[in-house]
Amino acid sequence: IVDDVACVGEDDSMIIYTTHKNYAQEIRSFISLKTGLNHSAFLVKEIDEIPLNSSGKILYSALTLN
């Protein structure tokens, strides 16, 4: 559906960060379909950009602050 996403979470819930607006429901449905988990286990947050370090890797610690 979209390209710019990053996920963080625990065993019982996942936060999915995306830079694409208005796709929260589609992302939740897609992840639920692929994992077989209930869509309520996923929270989608729209952010302006995925934080990256100088090597281009996702800064997961910065995501948890959002």
N, C-alpha and C. Protein backbone atom coordinates (compact mmCIF):
# COMPACT_ATOMS: atom_id res chain seq x y z
N ILE A 1 0.84 -1.20 0.00
CA ILE A 1 0.00 0.00 0.00
C ILE A 1 0.87 1.25 0.00
N VAL A 2 1.78 1.34 0.98
CA VAL A 2 2.66 2.50 1.09
C VAL A 2 4.09 2.04 1.31
N ASP A 3 5.05 2.92 1.06
CA ASP A 3 6.45 2.57 1.19
C ASP A 3 7.07 3.02 2.51
N ASP A 4 6.75 4.22 2.97
CA ASP A 4 7.40 4.79 4.15
C ASP A 4 6.68 4.42 5.44
N VAL A 5 7.10 3.30 6.05
CA VAL A 5 6.55 2.88 7.32
C VAL A 5 7.66 2.36 8.21
N ALA A 6 7.42 2.42 9.51
CA ALA A 6 8.31 1.83 10.50
C ALA A 6 7.42 1.32 11.64
N CYS A 7 7.79 0.20 12.23
CA CYS A 7 6.97 -0.41 13.26
C CYS A 7 7.76 -0.60 14.55
N VAL A 8 7.09 -0.34 15.67
CA VAL A 8 7.64 -0.62 16.99
C VAL A 8 6.53 -1.24 17.80
N GLY A 9 6.90 -2.01 18.81
CA GLY A 9 5.84 -2.58 19.64
C GLY A 9 6.31 -3.69 20.54
N GLU A 10 5.32 -4.27 21.18
CA GLU A 10 5.50 -5.38 22.12
C GLU A 10 4.71 -6.56 21.58
N ASP A 11 4.65 -7.63 22.39
CA ASP A 11 3.93 -8.82 21.95
C ASP A 11 2.44 -8.59 21.71
N ASP A 12 1.83 -7.70 22.48
CA ASP A 12 0.38 -7.53 22.38
C ASP A 12 -0.07 -6.29 21.62
N SER A 13 0.85 -5.46 21.17
CA SER A 13 0.45 -4.29 20.39
C SER A 13 1.61 -3.79 19.55
N MET A 14 1.25 -3.16 18.44
CA MET A 14 2.26 -2.63 17.53
C MET A 14 1.84 -1.23 17.10
N ILE A 15 2.81 -0.32 17.05
CA ILE A 15 2.57 1.01 16.52
C ILE A 15 3.24 1.07 15.15
N ILE A 16 2.48 1.44 14.16
CA ILE A 16 2.97 1.53 12.80
C ILE A 16 3.00 3.01 12.43
N TYR A 17 4.18 3.52 12.16
CA TYR A 17 4.35 4.93 11.77
C TYR A 17 4.42 5.01 10.26
N THR A 18 3.71 5.97 9.70
CA THR A 18 3.72 6.17 8.25
C THR A 18 3.76 7.66 7.93
N THR A 19 4.34 7.96 6.79
CA THR A 19 4.37 9.34 6.33
C THR A 19 3.22 9.61 5.36
N HIS A 20 2.47 8.60 5.03
CA HIS A 20 1.35 8.74 4.10
C HIS A 20 0.08 9.06 4.86
N LYS A 21 -0.61 10.07 4.45
CA LYS A 21 -1.84 10.52 5.11
C LYS A 21 -3.04 9.71 4.64
N ASN A 22 -3.97 9.50 5.53
CA ASN A 22 -5.27 8.89 5.21
C ASN A 22 -5.21 7.42 4.82
N TYR A 23 -4.19 6.69 5.26
CA TYR A 23 -4.11 5.27 4.96
C TYR A 23 -4.16 4.40 6.21
N ALA A 24 -4.51 4.96 7.34
CA ALA A 24 -4.46 4.22 8.61
C ALA A 24 -5.29 2.94 8.55
N GLN A 25 -6.53 3.04 8.12
CA GLN A 25 -7.40 1.86 8.10
C GLN A 25 -6.89 0.81 7.12
N GLU A 26 -6.43 1.23 5.96
CA GLU A 26 -5.91 0.27 4.98
C GLU A 26 -4.67 -0.44 5.50
N ILE A 27 -3.79 0.29 6.18
CA ILE A 27 -2.58 -0.32 6.74
C ILE A 27 -2.95 -1.33 7.82
N ARG A 28 -3.85 -0.94 8.73
CA ARG A 28 -4.29 -1.86 9.79
C ARG A 28 -4.90 -3.13 9.20
N SER A 29 -5.74 -2.98 8.20
CA SER A 29 -6.38 -4.14 7.57
C SER A 29 -5.36 -5.05 6.89
N PHE A 30 -4.40 -4.44 6.19
CA PHE A 30 -3.37 -5.20 5.50
C PHE A 30 -2.52 -6.00 6.48
N ILE A 31 -2.05 -5.34 7.55
CA ILE A 31 -1.22 -6.02 8.54
C ILE A 31 -2.01 -7.12 9.24
N SER A 32 -3.26 -6.85 9.55
CA SER A 32 -4.12 -7.85 10.18
C SER A 32 -4.29 -9.07 9.28
N LEU A 33 -4.53 -8.83 8.01
CA LEU A 33 -4.69 -9.92 7.05
C LEU A 33 -3.42 -10.76 6.94
N LYS A 34 -2.27 -10.10 6.87
CA LYS A 34 -0.99 -10.80 6.69
C LYS A 34 -0.55 -11.55 7.95
N THR A 35 -0.88 -11.03 9.15
CA THR A 35 -0.42 -11.66 10.39
C THR A 35 -1.46 -12.58 11.02
N GLY A 36 -2.74 -12.39 10.65
CA GLY A 36 -3.80 -13.17 11.27
C GLY A 36 -4.19 -12.65 12.65
N LEU A 37 -3.67 -11.48 13.01
CA LEU A 37 -3.99 -10.87 14.31
C LEU A 37 -5.12 -9.87 14.15
N ASN A 38 -5.86 -9.67 15.23
CA ASN A 38 -6.95 -8.71 15.21
C ASN A 38 -6.43 -7.31 14.95
N HIS A 39 -7.15 -6.54 14.15
CA HIS A 39 -6.71 -5.18 13.79
C HIS A 39 -6.59 -4.26 15.00
N SER A 40 -7.24 -4.61 16.11
CA SER A 40 -7.15 -3.76 17.31
C SER A 40 -5.75 -3.81 17.94
N ALA A 41 -4.92 -4.76 17.53
CA ALA A 41 -3.55 -4.85 18.05
C ALA A 41 -2.62 -3.84 17.40
N PHE A 42 -3.11 -3.12 16.40
CA PHE A 42 -2.28 -2.19 15.64
C PHE A 42 -2.79 -0.76 15.75
N LEU A 43 -1.87 0.14 16.01
CA LEU A 43 -2.17 1.57 16.01
C LEU A 43 -1.33 2.21 14.93
N VAL A 44 -1.94 2.96 14.06
CA VAL A 44 -1.22 3.63 12.98
C VAL A 44 -1.13 5.11 13.30
N LYS A 45 0.09 5.64 13.28
CA LYS A 45 0.32 7.06 13.52
C LYS A 45 0.93 7.69 12.28
N GLU A 46 0.37 8.81 11.88
CA GLU A 46 0.90 9.54 10.74
C GLU A 46 1.90 10.57 11.25
N ILE A 47 3.11 10.54 10.67
CA ILE A 47 4.15 11.49 11.05
C ILE A 47 4.71 12.14 9.78
N ASP A 48 5.41 13.24 9.95
CA ASP A 48 5.94 13.97 8.80
C ASP A 48 7.06 13.22 8.09
N GLU A 49 7.94 12.59 8.87
CA GLU A 49 9.04 11.83 8.27
C GLU A 49 9.51 10.76 9.23
N ILE A 50 10.03 9.67 8.67
CA ILE A 50 10.61 8.59 9.46
C ILE A 50 12.01 9.05 9.87
N PRO A 51 12.32 9.10 11.18
CA PRO A 51 13.64 9.57 11.60
C PRO A 51 14.74 8.57 11.22
N LEU A 52 15.80 9.08 10.60
CA LEU A 52 16.91 8.24 10.16
C LEU A 52 18.22 8.77 10.73
N ASN A 53 19.18 7.85 10.93
CA ASN A 53 20.51 8.29 11.34
C ASN A 53 21.33 8.61 10.09
N SER A 54 22.58 8.96 10.27
CA SER A 54 23.42 9.37 9.14
C SER A 54 23.68 8.23 8.16
N SER A 55 23.49 6.98 8.60
CA SER A 55 23.66 5.82 7.72
C SER A 55 22.37 5.45 7.00
N GLY A 56 21.28 6.16 7.30
CA GLY A 56 20.01 5.88 6.66
C GLY A 56 19.17 4.84 7.37
N LYS A 57 19.59 4.43 8.57
CA LYS A 57 18.82 3.44 9.33
C LYS A 57 17.79 4.15 10.21
N ILE A 58 16.68 3.48 10.44
CA ILE A 58 15.59 4.06 11.23
C ILE A 58 16.03 4.24 12.68
N LEU A 59 15.74 5.41 13.24
CA LEU A 59 16.00 5.70 14.65
C LEU A 59 14.76 5.34 15.46
N TYR A 60 14.68 4.08 15.88
CA TYR A 60 13.50 3.61 16.58
C TYR A 60 13.29 4.33 17.92
N SER A 61 14.38 4.72 18.55
CA SER A 61 14.25 5.44 19.83
C SER A 61 13.54 6.77 19.63
N ALA A 62 13.72 7.41 18.50
CA ALA A 62 13.04 8.67 18.20
C ALA A 62 11.56 8.45 17.93
N LEU A 63 11.20 7.29 17.38
CA LEU A 63 9.79 7.00 17.12
C LEU A 63 9.01 6.82 18.40
N THR A 64 9.59 6.19 19.38
CA THR A 64 8.86 5.94 20.63
C THR A 64 8.57 7.21 21.39
N LEU A 65 9.22 8.32 21.03
CA LEU A 65 8.98 9.60 21.68
C LEU A 65 7.76 10.31 21.09
N ASN A 66 7.33 9.89 19.90
CA ASN A 66 6.19 10.54 19.22
C ASN A 66 4.88 10.15 19.86
